[in-house]
Amino acid sequence: MNKTFAKTILVVYGSLAKTVSQIDRLVYRRALATHSSSGCGFCNTEKQIEDIVGLINKKNKLINLKLLADEVFACLDKETRDLLCDKYIARLNRQTMAKKLNVSTRTYYRKLDRAETSFAKECLLRGVDDKTFKQDYFDQNWLKTVYAKLEENNPESES
């Protein structure tokens, strides 16, 4: 099973709220620029509206991605949820994680693999797989870049 889409969700999860907030600020600035003669020199109103709608659509997609992740986290058992949160949100290193779990590094990697697989399976149950993730989110270059880096680091993933 290709878990790159699930790992991408996990990696970006912690920054989704901040990114949505930044998009809100951009929308606000662009909306103000439509009423200001100095706001957007050569832009016409129609182009500005298209840009604002595009930003709002990106924001909505990110909100939906966060809601999906929240829903999946809620379905996971506590140990799996804690492991994924420590790895991807708190960004603890493997030695710290293994020590915290009181297991060897090898056992930590096995547990992490099972946790990532559980997360991916829960995403699949909600209609999100590798193909739909690419269709829905690859219009946002930063998500595409994270995905590509994760896939590059995992040569066994199927495309």
N, C-alpha and C. Protein backbone atom coordinates (compact mmCIF):
# COMPACT_ATOMS: atom_id res chain seq x y z
N MET A 1 0.84 -1.18 0.00
CA MET A 1 0.00 0.00 0.00
C MET A 1 0.88 1.24 0.00
N ASN A 2 0.57 2.14 -0.93
CA ASN A 2 1.29 3.41 -0.97
C ASN A 2 0.71 4.33 0.10
N LYS A 3 1.55 4.70 1.05
CA LYS A 3 1.11 5.54 2.17
C LYS A 3 1.60 6.98 2.02
N THR A 4 2.17 7.32 0.87
CA THR A 4 2.75 8.66 0.72
C THR A 4 1.71 9.75 0.92
N PHE A 5 0.50 9.55 0.43
CA PHE A 5 -0.54 10.56 0.60
C PHE A 5 -0.86 10.76 2.09
N ALA A 6 -0.90 9.64 2.85
CA ALA A 6 -1.20 9.73 4.28
C ALA A 6 -0.06 10.41 5.03
N LYS A 7 1.16 10.06 4.68
CA LYS A 7 2.32 10.69 5.32
C LYS A 7 2.35 12.19 5.01
N THR A 8 1.95 12.56 3.80
CA THR A 8 1.91 13.97 3.44
C THR A 8 0.91 14.71 4.33
N ILE A 9 -0.25 14.11 4.53
CA ILE A 9 -1.26 14.71 5.41
C ILE A 9 -0.69 14.88 6.81
N LEU A 10 0.00 13.85 7.30
CA LEU A 10 0.58 13.91 8.64
C LEU A 10 1.66 14.98 8.74
N VAL A 11 2.49 15.08 7.74
CA VAL A 11 3.58 16.07 7.76
C VAL A 11 3.04 17.50 7.76
N VAL A 12 2.01 17.76 6.97
CA VAL A 12 1.52 19.14 6.85
C VAL A 12 0.46 19.48 7.88
N TYR A 13 -0.05 18.50 8.60
CA TYR A 13 -1.15 18.71 9.54
C TYR A 13 -0.90 19.88 10.50
N GLY A 14 0.27 19.93 11.07
CA GLY A 14 0.59 20.97 12.05
C GLY A 14 0.62 22.37 11.48
N SER A 15 0.77 22.51 10.18
CA SER A 15 0.84 23.84 9.58
C SER A 15 -0.44 24.25 8.84
N LEU A 16 -1.44 23.39 8.84
CA LEU A 16 -2.66 23.70 8.08
C LEU A 16 -3.40 24.92 8.63
N ALA A 17 -3.55 25.01 9.94
CA ALA A 17 -4.28 26.14 10.53
C ALA A 17 -3.57 27.46 10.22
N LYS A 18 -2.25 27.47 10.33
CA LYS A 18 -1.48 28.69 10.04
C LYS A 18 -1.59 29.06 8.57
N THR A 19 -1.55 28.07 7.70
CA THR A 19 -1.66 28.33 6.27
C THR A 19 -3.03 28.90 5.92
N VAL A 20 -4.08 28.35 6.53
CA VAL A 20 -5.43 28.86 6.31
C VAL A 20 -5.52 30.32 6.77
N SER A 21 -4.91 30.61 7.89
CA SER A 21 -4.90 31.98 8.41
C SER A 21 -4.17 32.93 7.45
N GLN A 22 -3.07 32.47 6.88
CA GLN A 22 -2.32 33.29 5.93
C GLN A 22 -3.15 33.55 4.66
N ILE A 23 -3.87 32.53 4.22
CA ILE A 23 -4.73 32.70 3.05
C ILE A 23 -5.82 33.72 3.36
N ASP A 24 -6.38 33.67 4.57
CA ASP A 24 -7.39 34.67 4.98
C ASP A 24 -6.83 36.09 4.86
N ARG A 25 -5.60 36.27 5.31
CA ARG A 25 -4.98 37.60 5.23
C ARG A 25 -4.79 38.03 3.77
N LEU A 26 -4.38 37.09 2.92
CA LEU A 26 -4.22 37.40 1.50
C LEU A 26 -5.56 37.80 0.87
N VAL A 27 -6.60 37.06 1.19
CA VAL A 27 -7.93 37.37 0.67
C VAL A 27 -8.34 38.78 1.11
N TYR A 28 -8.12 39.07 2.37
CA TYR A 28 -8.47 40.39 2.91
C TYR A 28 -7.72 41.50 2.17
N ARG A 29 -6.42 41.31 1.98
CA ARG A 29 -5.61 42.33 1.29
C ARG A 29 -6.06 42.50 -0.15
N ARG A 30 -6.33 41.38 -0.80
CA ARG A 30 -6.76 41.47 -2.20
C ARG A 30 -8.14 42.11 -2.31
N ALA A 31 -9.00 41.81 -1.36
CA ALA A 31 -10.34 42.42 -1.37
C ALA A 31 -10.22 43.93 -1.18
N LEU A 32 -9.34 44.36 -0.29
CA LEU A 32 -9.13 45.80 -0.09
C LEU A 32 -8.52 46.45 -1.33
N ALA A 33 -7.68 45.71 -2.02
CA ALA A 33 -7.02 46.25 -3.21
C ALA A 33 -8.01 46.56 -4.32
N THR A 34 -9.16 45.89 -4.33
CA THR A 34 -10.16 46.18 -5.36
C THR A 34 -10.78 47.55 -5.18
N HIS A 35 -10.68 48.11 -3.96
CA HIS A 35 -11.25 49.42 -3.67
C HIS A 35 -10.19 50.52 -3.58
N SER A 36 -8.97 50.16 -3.85
CA SER A 36 -7.88 51.10 -3.72
C SER A 36 -7.21 51.29 -5.07
N SER A 37 -6.97 52.52 -5.44
CA SER A 37 -6.33 52.77 -6.73
C SER A 37 -4.87 52.36 -6.71
N SER A 38 -4.23 52.36 -5.55
CA SER A 38 -2.82 52.00 -5.49
C SER A 38 -2.61 50.55 -5.10
N GLY A 39 -3.69 49.83 -4.81
CA GLY A 39 -3.59 48.46 -4.32
C GLY A 39 -3.05 47.48 -5.32
N CYS A 40 -3.44 47.60 -6.56
CA CYS A 40 -3.03 46.61 -7.56
C CYS A 40 -2.91 47.32 -8.90
N GLY A 41 -1.80 47.95 -9.13
CA GLY A 41 -1.56 48.78 -10.28
C GLY A 41 -2.29 48.46 -11.57
N PHE A 42 -1.97 47.33 -12.20
CA PHE A 42 -2.52 47.03 -13.51
C PHE A 42 -3.54 45.90 -13.48
N CYS A 43 -3.96 45.49 -12.32
CA CYS A 43 -4.94 44.40 -12.21
C CYS A 43 -6.34 44.94 -12.48
N ASN A 44 -7.13 44.14 -13.18
CA ASN A 44 -8.52 44.54 -13.31
C ASN A 44 -9.34 43.82 -12.25
N THR A 45 -10.51 44.30 -12.02
CA THR A 45 -11.36 43.77 -10.95
C THR A 45 -11.69 42.30 -11.16
N GLU A 46 -11.98 41.93 -12.40
CA GLU A 46 -12.33 40.54 -12.69
C GLU A 46 -11.18 39.59 -12.32
N LYS A 47 -9.97 39.98 -12.64
CA LYS A 47 -8.80 39.15 -12.31
C LYS A 47 -8.64 39.05 -10.80
N GLN A 48 -8.84 40.14 -10.10
CA GLN A 48 -8.72 40.13 -8.64
C GLN A 48 -9.77 39.22 -8.02
N ILE A 49 -10.98 39.27 -8.54
CA ILE A 49 -12.04 38.40 -8.02
C ILE A 49 -11.71 36.94 -8.27
N GLU A 50 -11.19 36.62 -9.46
CA GLU A 50 -10.77 35.25 -9.77
C GLU A 50 -9.70 34.78 -8.79
N ASP A 51 -8.74 35.66 -8.50
CA ASP A 51 -7.67 35.33 -7.55
C ASP A 51 -8.23 35.07 -6.16
N ILE A 52 -9.16 35.90 -5.73
CA ILE A 52 -9.77 35.75 -4.40
C ILE A 52 -10.55 34.45 -4.32
N VAL A 53 -11.33 34.15 -5.36
CA VAL A 53 -12.09 32.89 -5.38
C VAL A 53 -11.14 31.69 -5.37
N GLY A 54 -10.06 31.78 -6.12
CA GLY A 54 -9.06 30.71 -6.12
C GLY A 54 -8.45 30.50 -4.75
N LEU A 55 -8.14 31.59 -4.06
CA LEU A 55 -7.59 31.49 -2.71
C LEU A 55 -8.60 30.89 -1.73
N ILE A 56 -9.85 31.29 -1.85
CA ILE A 56 -10.88 30.74 -0.98
C ILE A 56 -11.06 29.24 -1.22
N ASN A 57 -11.00 28.83 -2.49
CA ASN A 57 -11.10 27.40 -2.80
C ASN A 57 -9.93 26.62 -2.20
N LYS A 58 -8.72 27.17 -2.29
CA LYS A 58 -7.55 26.52 -1.68
C LYS A 58 -7.73 26.42 -0.17
N LYS A 59 -8.21 27.49 0.42
CA LYS A 59 -8.44 27.50 1.87
C LYS A 59 -9.45 26.42 2.26
N ASN A 60 -10.54 26.32 1.52
CA ASN A 60 -11.55 25.31 1.82
C ASN A 60 -11.00 23.90 1.71
N LYS A 61 -10.15 23.67 0.72
CA LYS A 61 -9.53 22.35 0.57
C LYS A 61 -8.65 22.03 1.78
N LEU A 62 -7.90 23.01 2.24
CA LEU A 62 -7.03 22.79 3.40
C LEU A 62 -7.83 22.54 4.66
N ILE A 63 -8.94 23.26 4.80
CA ILE A 63 -9.81 23.02 5.96
C ILE A 63 -10.36 21.60 5.90
N ASN A 64 -10.78 21.17 4.71
CA ASN A 64 -11.28 19.80 4.56
C ASN A 64 -10.21 18.76 4.86
N LEU A 65 -8.97 19.07 4.48
CA LEU A 65 -7.86 18.15 4.76
C LEU A 65 -7.63 18.04 6.27
N LYS A 66 -7.69 19.17 6.96
CA LYS A 66 -7.53 19.15 8.42
C LYS A 66 -8.68 18.41 9.10
N LEU A 67 -9.90 18.63 8.62
CA LEU A 67 -11.05 17.92 9.17
C LEU A 67 -10.94 16.41 8.95
N LEU A 68 -10.45 16.02 7.77
CA LEU A 68 -10.22 14.60 7.50
C LEU A 68 -9.23 14.03 8.50
N ALA A 69 -8.10 14.72 8.68
CA ALA A 69 -7.08 14.24 9.61
C ALA A 69 -7.62 14.17 11.04
N ASP A 70 -8.38 15.18 11.45
CA ASP A 70 -8.97 15.18 12.79
C ASP A 70 -9.90 13.98 12.97
N GLU A 71 -10.70 13.71 11.95
CA GLU A 71 -11.63 12.58 12.00
C GLU A 71 -10.87 11.25 12.08
N VAL A 72 -9.81 11.13 11.31
CA VAL A 72 -9.01 9.91 11.33
C VAL A 72 -8.33 9.75 12.69
N PHE A 73 -7.74 10.82 13.20
CA PHE A 73 -7.11 10.75 14.52
C PHE A 73 -8.10 10.29 15.58
N ALA A 74 -9.33 10.77 15.50
CA ALA A 74 -10.36 10.40 16.48
C ALA A 74 -10.70 8.91 16.43
N CYS A 75 -10.50 8.29 15.29
CA CYS A 75 -10.83 6.86 15.13
C CYS A 75 -9.68 5.94 15.55
N LEU A 76 -8.50 6.48 15.66
CA LEU A 76 -7.33 5.65 16.00
C LEU A 76 -7.28 5.41 17.50
N ASP A 77 -6.67 4.28 17.88
CA ASP A 77 -6.48 4.03 19.31
C ASP A 77 -5.45 5.01 19.86
N LYS A 78 -5.45 5.19 21.16
CA LYS A 78 -4.62 6.21 21.81
C LYS A 78 -3.13 6.02 21.51
N GLU A 79 -2.65 4.80 21.57
CA GLU A 79 -1.23 4.55 21.33
C GLU A 79 -0.83 4.96 19.91
N THR A 80 -1.66 4.61 18.93
CA THR A 80 -1.38 4.96 17.53
C THR A 80 -1.44 6.47 17.34
N ARG A 81 -2.47 7.09 17.88
CA ARG A 81 -2.63 8.55 17.77
C ARG A 81 -1.45 9.27 18.41
N ASP A 82 -1.06 8.84 19.62
CA ASP A 82 0.06 9.48 20.31
C ASP A 82 1.36 9.31 19.54
N LEU A 83 1.57 8.14 18.98
CA LEU A 83 2.79 7.88 18.21
C LEU A 83 2.86 8.80 16.99
N LEU A 84 1.76 8.90 16.26
CA LEU A 84 1.74 9.77 15.08
C LEU A 84 1.88 11.24 15.46
N CYS A 85 1.23 11.65 16.53
CA CYS A 85 1.34 13.05 16.97
C CYS A 85 2.76 13.39 17.42
N ASP A 86 3.38 12.47 18.15
CA ASP A 86 4.76 12.71 18.59
C ASP A 86 5.71 12.79 17.40
N LYS A 87 5.51 11.94 16.42
CA LYS A 87 6.38 11.90 15.25
C LYS A 87 6.16 13.09 14.32
N TYR A 88 4.91 13.34 13.97
CA TYR A 88 4.63 14.31 12.91
C TYR A 88 4.25 15.70 13.39
N ILE A 89 3.72 15.82 14.58
CA ILE A 89 3.32 17.15 15.07
C ILE A 89 4.37 17.70 16.04
N ALA A 90 4.72 16.90 17.05
CA ALA A 90 5.76 17.33 17.99
C ALA A 90 7.16 17.18 17.39
N ARG A 91 7.27 16.37 16.35
CA ARG A 91 8.52 16.13 15.62
C ARG A 91 9.65 15.61 16.51
N LEU A 92 9.30 14.66 17.36
CA LEU A 92 10.33 14.03 18.19
C LEU A 92 11.19 13.12 17.33
N ASN A 93 12.48 13.01 17.68
CA ASN A 93 13.36 12.15 16.89
C ASN A 93 13.18 10.68 17.29
N ARG A 94 13.75 9.79 16.49
CA ARG A 94 13.53 8.35 16.70
C ARG A 94 14.08 7.84 18.02
N GLN A 95 15.20 8.39 18.48
CA GLN A 95 15.76 7.94 19.76
C GLN A 95 14.82 8.33 20.91
N THR A 96 14.34 9.55 20.89
CA THR A 96 13.43 10.02 21.92
C THR A 96 12.14 9.20 21.91
N MET A 97 11.64 8.94 20.71
CA MET A 97 10.41 8.16 20.57
C MET A 97 10.59 6.73 21.10
N ALA A 98 11.70 6.10 20.72
CA ALA A 98 11.95 4.72 21.17
C ALA A 98 12.09 4.68 22.69
N LYS A 99 12.78 5.67 23.24
CA LYS A 99 12.94 5.73 24.69
C LYS A 99 11.59 5.95 25.38
N LYS A 100 10.80 6.84 24.84
CA LYS A 100 9.48 7.14 25.40
C LYS A 100 8.59 5.89 25.40
N LEU A 101 8.69 5.12 24.32
CA LEU A 101 7.89 3.89 24.20
C LEU A 101 8.53 2.70 24.92
N ASN A 102 9.77 2.91 25.36
CA ASN A 102 10.53 1.85 26.03
C ASN A 102 10.71 0.62 25.13
N VAL A 103 11.10 0.91 23.88
CA VAL A 103 11.34 -0.14 22.89
C VAL A 103 12.62 0.16 22.13
N SER A 104 13.10 -0.84 21.38
CA SER A 104 14.28 -0.62 20.54
C SER A 104 13.89 0.25 19.35
N THR A 105 14.90 0.79 18.68
CA THR A 105 14.65 1.62 17.50
C THR A 105 13.94 0.80 16.42
N ARG A 106 14.35 -0.43 16.26
CA ARG A 106 13.72 -1.31 15.26
C ARG A 106 12.23 -1.51 15.58
N THR A 107 11.91 -1.75 16.83
CA THR A 107 10.51 -1.92 17.23
C THR A 107 9.74 -0.62 17.03
N TYR A 108 10.39 0.50 17.31
CA TYR A 108 9.75 1.81 17.08
C TYR A 108 9.36 1.95 15.61
N TYR A 109 10.27 1.60 14.70
CA TYR A 109 9.96 1.71 13.27
C TYR A 109 8.81 0.79 12.88
N ARG A 110 8.75 -0.39 13.45
CA ARG A 110 7.63 -1.29 13.17
C ARG A 110 6.31 -0.68 13.65
N LYS A 111 6.33 -0.14 14.86
CA LYS A 111 5.11 0.49 15.40
C LYS A 111 4.71 1.70 14.55
N LEU A 112 5.69 2.48 14.14
CA LEU A 112 5.41 3.65 13.31
C LEU A 112 4.80 3.22 11.97
N ASP A 113 5.36 2.18 11.37
CA ASP A 113 4.83 1.69 10.10
C ASP A 113 3.38 1.24 10.26
N ARG A 114 3.09 0.53 11.34
CA ARG A 114 1.70 0.09 11.59
C ARG A 114 0.78 1.29 11.82
N ALA A 115 1.27 2.28 12.54
CA ALA A 115 0.46 3.47 12.80
C ALA A 115 0.17 4.23 11.50
N GLU A 116 1.18 4.39 10.67
CA GLU A 116 0.99 5.07 9.38
C GLU A 116 0.03 4.28 8.49
N THR A 117 0.14 2.97 8.52
CA THR A 117 -0.78 2.13 7.74
C THR A 117 -2.21 2.28 8.25
N SER A 118 -2.38 2.32 9.56
CA SER A 118 -3.72 2.52 10.14
C SER A 118 -4.29 3.86 9.71
N PHE A 119 -3.46 4.90 9.74
CA PHE A 119 -3.91 6.23 9.33
C PHE A 119 -4.33 6.20 7.86
N ALA A 120 -3.51 5.57 7.01
CA ALA A 120 -3.82 5.49 5.57
C ALA A 120 -5.11 4.72 5.33
N LYS A 121 -5.30 3.61 6.05
CA LYS A 121 -6.52 2.81 5.88
C LYS A 121 -7.76 3.59 6.30
N GLU A 122 -7.66 4.36 7.37
CA GLU A 122 -8.79 5.19 7.80
C GLU A 122 -9.10 6.27 6.76
N CYS A 123 -8.06 6.81 6.14
CA CYS A 123 -8.27 7.78 5.06
C CYS A 123 -8.99 7.11 3.89
N LEU A 124 -8.56 5.89 3.56
CA LEU A 124 -9.19 5.15 2.47
C LEU A 124 -10.67 4.92 2.75
N LEU A 125 -11.00 4.61 3.99
CA LEU A 125 -12.40 4.40 4.36
C LEU A 125 -13.24 5.67 4.17
N ARG A 126 -12.58 6.80 4.16
CA ARG A 126 -13.26 8.09 3.99
C ARG A 126 -13.13 8.61 2.56
N GLY A 127 -12.70 7.75 1.66
CA GLY A 127 -12.66 8.09 0.24
C GLY A 127 -11.43 8.82 -0.23
N VAL A 128 -10.40 8.88 0.59
CA VAL A 128 -9.17 9.56 0.18
C VAL A 128 -8.08 8.51 0.00
N ASP A 129 -7.61 8.40 -1.22
CA ASP A 129 -6.48 7.52 -1.53
C ASP A 129 -5.45 8.35 -2.28
N ASP A 130 -4.42 7.69 -2.78
CA ASP A 130 -3.34 8.41 -3.45
C ASP A 130 -3.87 9.19 -4.65
N LYS A 131 -4.72 8.55 -5.44
CA LYS A 131 -5.25 9.19 -6.65
C LYS A 131 -6.10 10.42 -6.31
N THR A 132 -7.03 10.28 -5.38
CA THR A 132 -7.88 11.41 -5.04
C THR A 132 -7.09 12.52 -4.35
N PHE A 133 -6.09 12.14 -3.56
CA PHE A 133 -5.24 13.15 -2.92
C PHE A 133 -4.55 14.00 -4.00
N LYS A 134 -3.99 13.33 -4.99
CA LYS A 134 -3.32 14.06 -6.07
C LYS A 134 -4.30 14.95 -6.82
N GLN A 135 -5.48 14.42 -7.13
CA GLN A 135 -6.49 15.20 -7.86
C GLN A 135 -6.93 16.43 -7.07
N ASP A 136 -7.12 16.26 -5.78
CA ASP A 136 -7.68 17.33 -4.96
C ASP A 136 -6.65 18.34 -4.47
N TYR A 137 -5.40 17.93 -4.30
CA TYR A 137 -4.44 18.80 -3.60
C TYR A 137 -3.18 19.15 -4.38
N PHE A 138 -2.97 18.54 -5.55
CA PHE A 138 -1.74 18.84 -6.28
C PHE A 138 -1.78 20.18 -6.99
N ASP A 139 -2.90 20.90 -6.91
CA ASP A 139 -2.91 22.26 -7.43
C ASP A 139 -2.19 23.21 -6.47
N GLN A 140 -1.87 22.71 -5.29
CA GLN A 140 -1.12 23.50 -4.31
C GLN A 140 0.32 22.97 -4.30
N ASN A 141 1.21 23.75 -4.86
CA ASN A 141 2.59 23.30 -5.08
C ASN A 141 3.29 22.85 -3.81
N TRP A 142 3.02 23.48 -2.70
CA TRP A 142 3.72 23.11 -1.46
C TRP A 142 3.33 21.70 -1.03
N LEU A 143 2.08 21.30 -1.25
CA LEU A 143 1.67 19.93 -0.92
C LEU A 143 2.30 18.94 -1.90
N LYS A 144 2.36 19.34 -3.14
CA LYS A 144 2.98 18.51 -4.18
C LYS A 144 4.47 18.29 -3.86
N THR A 145 5.12 19.34 -3.38
CA THR A 145 6.54 19.26 -3.03
C THR A 145 6.77 18.33 -1.84
N VAL A 146 5.94 18.46 -0.80
CA VAL A 146 6.06 17.57 0.36
C VAL A 146 5.86 16.13 -0.06
N TYR A 147 4.85 15.88 -0.87
CA TYR A 147 4.55 14.54 -1.37
C TYR A 147 5.76 13.98 -2.13
N ALA A 148 6.31 14.79 -3.04
CA ALA A 148 7.45 14.35 -3.85
C ALA A 148 8.66 14.01 -2.98
N LYS A 149 8.93 14.80 -1.96
CA LYS A 149 10.06 14.54 -1.07
C LYS A 149 9.86 13.24 -0.29
N LEU A 150 8.63 13.03 0.17
CA LEU A 150 8.34 11.79 0.89
C LEU A 150 8.45 10.58 -0.02
N GLU A 151 7.98 10.72 -1.24
CA GLU A 151 8.05 9.61 -2.20
C GLU A 151 9.51 9.33 -2.59
N GLU A 152 10.28 10.39 -2.69
CA GLU A 152 11.71 10.25 -3.01
C GLU A 152 12.44 9.49 -1.91
N ASN A 153 12.05 9.72 -0.66
CA ASN A 153 12.67 9.04 0.48
C ASN A 153 12.14 7.64 0.68
N ASN A 154 11.11 7.25 -0.05
CA ASN A 154 10.52 5.93 0.08
C ASN A 154 10.45 5.28 -1.31
N PRO A 155 11.55 4.69 -1.77
CA PRO A 155 11.59 4.12 -3.11
C PRO A 155 10.64 2.94 -3.31
N GLU A 156 10.11 2.37 -2.21
CA GLU A 156 9.22 1.23 -2.33
C GLU A 156 7.79 1.64 -2.61
N SER A 157 7.48 2.94 -2.53
CA SER A 157 6.08 3.36 -2.75
C SER A 157 5.69 3.13 -4.20
N GLU A 158 4.43 2.76 -4.38
CA GLU A 158 3.89 2.51 -5.72
C GLU A 158 3.26 3.78 -6.21
N SER A 159 3.44 4.11 -7.46
CA SER A 159 2.79 5.29 -8.02
C SER A 159 1.69 4.92 -8.94
